[in-house]
């Protein structure tokens, strides 16, 4: 029987649909590869370091989608899609880039709060309050590496 864990699938489905609608089909491969690198693999690293090693958060009610008692199978998929459209829409003007990164950090934290309210995610200690800084660092690092790899010029 599937319970609350279905929300992990819904989240991945919605974020993937957004990526497929926003990114032109000829660019799927490029942006989904970046999404895999920064979003999927990045998410697993964040979970292992901040969740399992430092015990700052944990996923709950994983049900049939449980991977190693650590995360839902669908969570990295959602982050792959999120980073794909994050990088596709990345602005090249410095002021807009900074605001854009902060917006995505807020978005990531809001998703965490929503999952927490659904009983699917739990923050430990004060991490709930400084998690946005971790998201900002994560998105900043991805943007910086993407800009370097793609040799983009910022205005």
N, C-alpha and C. Protein backbone atom coordinates (compact mmCIF):
# COMPACT_ATOMS: atom_id res chain seq x y z
N UNK A 1 0.84 -1.18 0.00
CA UNK A 1 0.00 0.00 0.00
C UNK A 1 0.89 1.25 0.00
N UNK A 2 0.56 2.17 -0.83
CA UNK A 2 1.32 3.41 -0.91
C UNK A 2 0.66 4.45 -0.02
N UNK A 3 1.48 5.12 0.77
CA UNK A 3 0.99 6.16 1.68
C UNK A 3 1.55 7.51 1.28
N UNK A 4 2.00 8.24 2.28
CA UNK A 4 2.54 9.58 2.07
C UNK A 4 3.72 9.62 1.11
N UNK A 5 4.46 8.52 1.02
CA UNK A 5 5.67 8.52 0.19
C UNK A 5 5.37 8.84 -1.27
N UNK A 6 4.13 8.77 -1.68
CA UNK A 6 3.76 9.10 -3.05
C UNK A 6 4.06 10.57 -3.37
N UNK A 7 4.13 11.41 -2.33
CA UNK A 7 4.45 12.82 -2.54
C UNK A 7 5.86 13.00 -3.11
N UNK A 8 6.79 12.10 -2.81
CA UNK A 8 8.12 12.17 -3.41
C UNK A 8 8.03 12.00 -4.93
N UNK A 9 7.18 11.07 -5.36
CA UNK A 9 6.96 10.86 -6.79
C UNK A 9 6.30 12.09 -7.42
N UNK A 10 5.28 12.64 -6.75
CA UNK A 10 4.60 13.82 -7.27
C UNK A 10 5.57 14.99 -7.43
N UNK A 11 6.44 15.16 -6.43
CA UNK A 11 7.43 16.25 -6.49
C UNK A 11 8.33 16.06 -7.70
N UNK A 12 8.84 14.86 -7.90
CA UNK A 12 9.71 14.59 -9.05
C UNK A 12 8.96 14.79 -10.36
N UNK A 13 7.71 14.36 -10.40
CA UNK A 13 6.90 14.49 -11.61
C UNK A 13 6.66 15.96 -11.96
N UNK A 14 6.31 16.77 -10.97
CA UNK A 14 6.05 18.19 -11.20
C UNK A 14 7.32 18.92 -11.63
N UNK A 15 8.44 18.67 -10.93
CA UNK A 15 9.69 19.35 -11.27
C UNK A 15 10.19 18.90 -12.64
N UNK A 16 10.01 17.63 -12.97
CA UNK A 16 10.43 17.13 -14.29
C UNK A 16 9.56 17.72 -15.40
N UNK A 17 8.27 17.82 -15.16
CA UNK A 17 7.37 18.44 -16.15
C UNK A 17 7.77 19.89 -16.39
N UNK A 18 8.11 20.60 -15.32
CA UNK A 18 8.56 22.00 -15.47
C UNK A 18 9.82 22.06 -16.32
N UNK A 19 10.77 21.17 -16.06
CA UNK A 19 12.01 21.17 -16.84
C UNK A 19 11.73 20.86 -18.31
N UNK A 20 10.88 19.89 -18.56
CA UNK A 20 10.57 19.52 -19.94
C UNK A 20 9.83 20.63 -20.68
N UNK A 21 9.05 21.41 -19.96
CA UNK A 21 8.33 22.54 -20.57
C UNK A 21 9.24 23.75 -20.79
N UNK A 22 10.19 23.97 -19.90
CA UNK A 22 11.03 25.16 -19.97
C UNK A 22 12.23 25.01 -20.89
N UNK A 23 12.79 23.83 -20.95
CA UNK A 23 14.02 23.60 -21.71
C UNK A 23 13.66 23.10 -23.11
N UNK A 24 14.21 23.73 -24.16
CA UNK A 24 13.93 23.25 -25.52
C UNK A 24 14.47 21.82 -25.72
N UNK A 25 13.74 21.03 -26.46
CA UNK A 25 14.09 19.61 -26.65
C UNK A 25 15.54 19.39 -27.10
N UNK A 26 16.08 20.19 -28.05
CA UNK A 26 17.47 19.96 -28.45
C UNK A 26 18.49 20.15 -27.32
N UNK A 27 18.10 20.82 -26.25
CA UNK A 27 19.01 21.08 -25.12
C UNK A 27 18.82 20.12 -23.96
N UNK A 28 17.88 19.18 -24.06
CA UNK A 28 17.61 18.25 -22.96
C UNK A 28 18.88 17.55 -22.48
N UNK A 29 19.62 16.97 -23.40
CA UNK A 29 20.79 16.16 -23.02
C UNK A 29 21.78 16.99 -22.20
N UNK A 30 22.10 18.17 -22.70
CA UNK A 30 23.07 19.03 -22.02
C UNK A 30 22.61 19.37 -20.61
N UNK A 31 21.39 19.86 -20.47
CA UNK A 31 20.94 20.34 -19.17
C UNK A 31 20.59 19.21 -18.21
N UNK A 32 20.13 18.09 -18.72
CA UNK A 32 19.88 16.97 -17.82
C UNK A 32 21.18 16.31 -17.37
N UNK A 33 22.24 16.40 -18.17
CA UNK A 33 23.55 15.91 -17.71
C UNK A 33 24.08 16.81 -16.60
N UNK A 34 23.95 18.13 -16.78
CA UNK A 34 24.33 19.04 -15.70
C UNK A 34 23.44 18.81 -14.48
N UNK A 35 22.16 18.57 -14.71
CA UNK A 35 21.24 18.28 -13.61
C UNK A 35 21.65 17.03 -12.85
N UNK A 36 22.08 16.01 -13.59
CA UNK A 36 22.56 14.78 -12.94
C UNK A 36 23.78 15.06 -12.08
N UNK A 37 24.72 15.82 -12.62
CA UNK A 37 25.95 16.13 -11.89
C UNK A 37 25.68 16.97 -10.65
N UNK A 38 25.03 18.12 -10.84
CA UNK A 38 24.84 19.05 -9.72
C UNK A 38 23.62 18.73 -8.86
N UNK A 39 22.57 18.21 -9.48
CA UNK A 39 21.34 17.94 -8.74
C UNK A 39 21.28 16.54 -8.17
N UNK A 40 21.35 15.53 -9.02
CA UNK A 40 21.22 14.14 -8.56
C UNK A 40 22.37 13.70 -7.68
N UNK A 41 23.59 13.82 -8.19
CA UNK A 41 24.76 13.44 -7.41
C UNK A 41 24.96 14.41 -6.25
N UNK A 42 24.73 15.70 -6.51
CA UNK A 42 24.83 16.70 -5.45
C UNK A 42 23.88 16.41 -4.31
N UNK A 43 22.65 16.03 -4.63
CA UNK A 43 21.66 15.71 -3.61
C UNK A 43 22.11 14.53 -2.75
N UNK A 44 22.60 13.50 -3.38
CA UNK A 44 23.06 12.33 -2.62
C UNK A 44 24.23 12.70 -1.71
N UNK A 45 25.14 13.55 -2.20
CA UNK A 45 26.24 14.01 -1.35
C UNK A 45 25.74 14.84 -0.17
N UNK A 46 24.78 15.74 -0.42
CA UNK A 46 24.20 16.55 0.66
C UNK A 46 23.53 15.64 1.69
N UNK A 47 22.78 14.66 1.22
CA UNK A 47 22.11 13.72 2.13
C UNK A 47 23.13 12.95 2.96
N UNK A 48 24.17 12.46 2.32
CA UNK A 48 25.16 11.66 3.05
C UNK A 48 25.94 12.51 4.05
N UNK A 49 26.32 13.73 3.67
CA UNK A 49 27.12 14.58 4.56
C UNK A 49 26.26 15.22 5.65
N UNK A 50 25.23 15.97 5.24
CA UNK A 50 24.44 16.72 6.21
C UNK A 50 23.39 15.87 6.91
N UNK A 51 22.89 14.85 6.23
CA UNK A 51 21.88 13.99 6.82
C UNK A 51 22.46 12.84 7.61
N UNK A 52 23.19 11.98 6.94
CA UNK A 52 23.70 10.76 7.58
C UNK A 52 24.92 11.00 8.47
N UNK A 53 25.87 11.79 8.01
CA UNK A 53 27.10 12.01 8.77
C UNK A 53 26.91 13.00 9.92
N UNK A 54 26.31 14.16 9.62
CA UNK A 54 26.15 15.22 10.63
C UNK A 54 24.80 15.17 11.35
N UNK A 55 23.88 14.35 10.87
CA UNK A 55 22.55 14.17 11.49
C UNK A 55 21.78 15.49 11.64
N UNK A 56 21.84 16.33 10.60
CA UNK A 56 21.15 17.61 10.64
C UNK A 56 19.73 17.52 10.11
N UNK A 57 19.44 16.48 9.36
CA UNK A 57 18.08 16.25 8.86
C UNK A 57 17.93 14.78 8.53
N UNK A 58 16.69 14.37 8.29
CA UNK A 58 16.44 13.01 7.82
C UNK A 58 15.11 12.96 7.08
N UNK A 59 15.08 12.09 6.10
CA UNK A 59 13.83 11.81 5.40
C UNK A 59 13.07 10.77 6.20
N UNK A 60 11.74 10.85 6.15
CA UNK A 60 10.89 9.92 6.89
C UNK A 60 9.82 9.36 5.96
N UNK A 61 9.18 8.28 6.40
CA UNK A 61 8.07 7.68 5.65
C UNK A 61 8.43 7.44 4.19
N UNK A 62 9.57 6.81 3.96
CA UNK A 62 10.05 6.58 2.60
C UNK A 62 9.31 5.45 1.90
N UNK A 63 8.74 4.55 2.66
CA UNK A 63 7.93 3.48 2.09
C UNK A 63 8.65 2.67 1.04
N UNK A 64 7.95 2.35 -0.03
CA UNK A 64 8.49 1.47 -1.07
C UNK A 64 9.60 2.13 -1.91
N UNK A 65 9.76 3.45 -1.79
CA UNK A 65 10.78 4.16 -2.57
C UNK A 65 12.09 4.33 -1.79
N UNK A 66 12.21 3.67 -0.65
CA UNK A 66 13.35 3.79 0.26
C UNK A 66 14.65 3.30 -0.38
N UNK A 67 15.67 4.15 -0.33
CA UNK A 67 17.01 3.78 -0.78
C UNK A 67 17.94 3.86 0.43
N UNK A 68 18.41 2.72 0.90
CA UNK A 68 19.40 2.62 1.99
C UNK A 68 18.98 3.37 3.26
N UNK A 69 17.69 3.41 3.54
CA UNK A 69 17.19 4.15 4.71
C UNK A 69 17.69 5.59 4.75
N UNK A 70 17.92 6.18 3.57
CA UNK A 70 18.49 7.52 3.50
C UNK A 70 17.63 8.51 2.74
N UNK A 71 17.03 8.08 1.63
CA UNK A 71 16.25 9.01 0.81
C UNK A 71 15.32 8.22 -0.09
N UNK A 72 14.39 8.94 -0.67
CA UNK A 72 13.46 8.34 -1.62
C UNK A 72 14.13 8.23 -2.99
N UNK A 73 13.82 7.19 -3.70
CA UNK A 73 14.29 7.01 -5.07
C UNK A 73 14.01 8.26 -5.91
N UNK A 74 12.91 8.95 -5.63
CA UNK A 74 12.47 10.08 -6.45
C UNK A 74 13.15 11.39 -6.10
N UNK A 75 13.78 11.49 -4.95
CA UNK A 75 14.39 12.76 -4.54
C UNK A 75 15.50 13.21 -5.48
N UNK A 76 16.48 12.38 -5.83
CA UNK A 76 17.50 12.83 -6.78
C UNK A 76 16.91 13.21 -8.14
N UNK A 77 15.86 12.50 -8.57
CA UNK A 77 15.21 12.84 -9.84
C UNK A 77 14.64 14.26 -9.81
N UNK A 78 14.04 14.62 -8.68
CA UNK A 78 13.50 15.98 -8.55
C UNK A 78 14.62 17.01 -8.62
N UNK A 79 15.75 16.71 -7.99
CA UNK A 79 16.88 17.65 -8.02
C UNK A 79 17.55 17.70 -9.39
N UNK A 80 17.56 16.60 -10.12
CA UNK A 80 18.09 16.61 -11.49
C UNK A 80 17.30 17.61 -12.32
N UNK A 81 15.98 17.52 -12.26
CA UNK A 81 15.12 18.43 -13.02
C UNK A 81 15.29 19.86 -12.55
N UNK A 82 15.36 20.07 -11.24
CA UNK A 82 15.49 21.42 -10.69
C UNK A 82 16.77 22.08 -11.17
N UNK A 83 17.89 21.37 -11.10
CA UNK A 83 19.15 21.96 -11.55
C UNK A 83 19.19 22.11 -13.07
N UNK A 84 18.50 21.26 -13.81
CA UNK A 84 18.44 21.41 -15.27
C UNK A 84 17.80 22.75 -15.62
N UNK A 85 16.63 23.05 -15.04
CA UNK A 85 16.03 24.34 -15.41
C UNK A 85 16.67 25.51 -14.69
N UNK A 86 17.26 25.29 -13.52
CA UNK A 86 18.04 26.35 -12.85
C UNK A 86 19.15 26.83 -13.78
N UNK A 87 19.91 25.90 -14.35
CA UNK A 87 21.03 26.27 -15.20
C UNK A 87 20.58 26.76 -16.57
N UNK A 88 19.50 26.21 -17.10
CA UNK A 88 19.01 26.67 -18.39
C UNK A 88 18.58 28.14 -18.32
N UNK A 89 17.94 28.52 -17.23
CA UNK A 89 17.42 29.88 -17.07
C UNK A 89 18.41 30.82 -16.39
N UNK A 90 19.62 30.36 -16.12
CA UNK A 90 20.61 31.14 -15.38
C UNK A 90 20.89 32.49 -16.05
N UNK A 91 20.68 33.59 -15.33
CA UNK A 91 20.96 34.91 -15.91
C UNK A 91 22.47 35.18 -15.93
N UNK A 92 22.91 36.03 -16.85
CA UNK A 92 24.33 36.36 -16.95
C UNK A 92 24.66 37.73 -16.36
N UNK A 93 23.66 38.47 -15.95
CA UNK A 93 23.91 39.75 -15.26
C UNK A 93 24.13 39.46 -13.79
N UNK A 94 25.22 39.98 -13.23
CA UNK A 94 25.64 39.64 -11.87
C UNK A 94 24.56 39.88 -10.82
N UNK A 95 23.90 41.03 -10.88
CA UNK A 95 22.87 41.33 -9.88
C UNK A 95 21.74 40.31 -9.97
N UNK A 96 21.28 40.06 -11.18
CA UNK A 96 20.19 39.09 -11.36
C UNK A 96 20.64 37.68 -10.97
N UNK A 97 21.89 37.36 -11.24
CA UNK A 97 22.41 36.05 -10.88
C UNK A 97 22.38 35.84 -9.37
N UNK A 98 22.81 36.85 -8.62
CA UNK A 98 22.80 36.75 -7.15
C UNK A 98 21.38 36.58 -6.63
N UNK A 99 20.46 37.37 -7.15
CA UNK A 99 19.05 37.27 -6.72
C UNK A 99 18.45 35.92 -7.13
N UNK A 100 18.81 35.46 -8.30
CA UNK A 100 18.32 34.18 -8.82
C UNK A 100 18.78 33.03 -7.92
N UNK A 101 20.04 33.04 -7.54
CA UNK A 101 20.56 32.00 -6.65
C UNK A 101 19.85 32.04 -5.31
N UNK A 102 19.64 33.24 -4.76
CA UNK A 102 18.92 33.36 -3.49
C UNK A 102 17.49 32.85 -3.61
N UNK A 103 16.85 33.12 -4.74
CA UNK A 103 15.48 32.63 -4.96
C UNK A 103 15.44 31.10 -4.98
N UNK A 104 16.38 30.49 -5.66
CA UNK A 104 16.40 29.03 -5.69
C UNK A 104 16.76 28.43 -4.33
N UNK A 105 17.60 29.13 -3.57
CA UNK A 105 17.89 28.67 -2.20
C UNK A 105 16.62 28.71 -1.36
N UNK A 106 15.85 29.78 -1.51
CA UNK A 106 14.57 29.89 -0.81
C UNK A 106 13.61 28.80 -1.28
N UNK A 107 13.59 28.54 -2.58
CA UNK A 107 12.74 27.50 -3.15
C UNK A 107 13.09 26.13 -2.55
N UNK A 108 14.37 25.80 -2.52
CA UNK A 108 14.80 24.52 -1.95
C UNK A 108 14.40 24.38 -0.49
N UNK A 109 14.57 25.46 0.26
CA UNK A 109 14.20 25.44 1.68
C UNK A 109 12.69 25.31 1.84
N UNK A 110 11.94 25.98 1.00
CA UNK A 110 10.47 25.89 1.05
C UNK A 110 10.00 24.47 0.77
N UNK A 111 10.63 23.80 -0.18
CA UNK A 111 10.30 22.40 -0.45
C UNK A 111 10.57 21.56 0.80
N UNK A 112 11.70 21.82 1.47
CA UNK A 112 12.02 21.10 2.70
C UNK A 112 10.99 21.34 3.79
N UNK A 113 10.54 22.58 3.94
CA UNK A 113 9.52 22.91 4.94
C UNK A 113 8.21 22.20 4.59
N UNK A 114 7.85 22.20 3.31
CA UNK A 114 6.62 21.53 2.87
C UNK A 114 6.69 20.03 3.17
N UNK A 115 7.81 19.40 2.83
CA UNK A 115 7.97 17.97 3.13
C UNK A 115 7.94 17.72 4.63
N UNK A 116 8.49 18.65 5.40
CA UNK A 116 8.44 18.54 6.86
C UNK A 116 7.00 18.60 7.35
N UNK A 117 6.23 19.51 6.81
CA UNK A 117 4.82 19.64 7.19
C UNK A 117 4.01 18.40 6.81
N UNK A 118 4.45 17.70 5.78
CA UNK A 118 3.78 16.46 5.36
C UNK A 118 4.26 15.24 6.16
N UNK A 119 5.26 15.43 7.02
CA UNK A 119 5.80 14.32 7.80
C UNK A 119 6.77 13.46 7.02
N UNK A 120 7.38 14.03 5.97
CA UNK A 120 8.29 13.27 5.12
C UNK A 120 9.75 13.67 5.31
N UNK A 121 10.00 14.71 6.08
CA UNK A 121 11.34 15.25 6.24
C UNK A 121 11.40 15.90 7.61
N UNK A 122 12.53 15.75 8.28
CA UNK A 122 12.66 16.36 9.61
C UNK A 122 14.00 17.06 9.74
N UNK A 123 13.95 18.34 10.12
CA UNK A 123 15.16 19.08 10.45
C UNK A 123 15.52 18.77 11.90
N UNK A 124 16.81 18.70 12.20
CA UNK A 124 17.26 18.49 13.57
C UNK A 124 17.96 19.75 14.06
N UNK A 125 17.66 20.12 15.30
CA UNK A 125 18.30 21.29 15.89
C UNK A 125 18.01 22.56 15.11
N UNK A 126 18.99 23.44 15.05
CA UNK A 126 18.83 24.72 14.38
C UNK A 126 19.02 24.68 12.88
N UNK A 127 19.25 23.49 12.32
CA UNK A 127 19.50 23.39 10.88
C UNK A 127 18.35 23.96 10.06
N UNK A 128 17.15 23.88 10.59
CA UNK A 128 15.98 24.43 9.90
C UNK A 128 16.21 25.90 9.53
N UNK A 129 16.97 26.61 10.37
CA UNK A 129 17.16 28.04 10.18
C UNK A 129 18.37 28.38 9.33
N UNK A 130 19.36 27.51 9.29
CA UNK A 130 20.51 27.82 8.44
C UNK A 130 20.60 26.94 7.19
N UNK A 131 19.61 26.10 6.97
CA UNK A 131 19.56 25.31 5.74
C UNK A 131 19.55 26.18 4.48
N UNK A 132 18.87 27.36 4.49
CA UNK A 132 18.93 28.19 3.27
C UNK A 132 20.35 28.56 2.86
N UNK A 133 21.25 28.70 3.83
CA UNK A 133 22.65 29.00 3.50
C UNK A 133 23.30 27.82 2.77
N UNK A 134 22.95 26.61 3.17
CA UNK A 134 23.48 25.41 2.49
C UNK A 134 22.94 25.36 1.06
N UNK A 135 21.64 25.64 0.89
CA UNK A 135 21.07 25.68 -0.46
C UNK A 135 21.74 26.76 -1.30
N UNK A 136 21.96 27.94 -0.71
CA UNK A 136 22.61 29.03 -1.44
C UNK A 136 24.02 28.63 -1.87
N UNK A 137 24.74 27.96 -0.99
CA UNK A 137 26.08 27.48 -1.33
C UNK A 137 26.02 26.44 -2.45
N UNK A 138 25.08 25.53 -2.36
CA UNK A 138 24.91 24.47 -3.37
C UNK A 138 24.60 25.08 -4.74
N UNK A 139 23.63 25.98 -4.81
CA UNK A 139 23.27 26.61 -6.08
C UNK A 139 24.39 27.52 -6.58
N UNK A 140 25.09 28.21 -5.67
CA UNK A 140 26.21 29.08 -6.07
C UNK A 140 27.33 28.26 -6.69
N UNK A 141 27.66 27.15 -6.06
CA UNK A 141 28.72 26.29 -6.58
C UNK A 141 28.36 25.74 -7.96
N UNK A 142 27.12 25.30 -8.11
CA UNK A 142 26.67 24.79 -9.41
C UNK A 142 26.73 25.88 -10.47
N UNK A 143 26.26 27.09 -10.13
CA UNK A 143 26.29 28.20 -11.09
C UNK A 143 27.72 28.56 -11.46
N UNK A 144 28.59 28.63 -10.47
CA UNK A 144 29.99 28.99 -10.71
C UNK A 144 30.66 27.96 -11.64
N UNK A 145 30.47 26.68 -11.33
CA UNK A 145 31.07 25.64 -12.17
C UNK A 145 30.48 25.64 -13.58
N UNK A 146 29.18 25.84 -13.69
CA UNK A 146 28.52 25.89 -15.00
C UNK A 146 29.06 27.06 -15.82
N UNK A 147 29.19 28.22 -15.20
CA UNK A 147 29.70 29.41 -15.89
C UNK A 147 31.13 29.16 -16.38
N UNK A 148 31.94 28.51 -15.56
CA UNK A 148 33.32 28.20 -15.95
C UNK A 148 33.36 27.15 -17.07
N UNK A 149 32.59 26.09 -16.91
CA UNK A 149 32.61 25.02 -17.91
C UNK A 149 32.07 25.48 -19.27
N UNK A 150 31.06 26.34 -19.24
CA UNK A 150 30.46 26.83 -20.48
C UNK A 150 31.13 28.11 -20.99
N UNK A 151 32.12 28.61 -20.23
CA UNK A 151 32.86 29.82 -20.59
C UNK A 151 31.93 31.01 -20.84
N UNK A 152 30.97 31.19 -19.96
CA UNK A 152 30.03 32.30 -20.07
C UNK A 152 30.67 33.58 -19.53
N UNK A 153 30.30 34.69 -20.12
CA UNK A 153 30.77 36.00 -19.66
C UNK A 153 29.65 36.67 -18.88
N UNK A 154 29.94 37.07 -17.65
CA UNK A 154 28.94 37.77 -16.84
C UNK A 154 29.01 39.26 -17.14
N UNK A 155 27.86 39.89 -17.12
CA UNK A 155 27.78 41.33 -17.39
C UNK A 155 27.72 42.10 -16.09
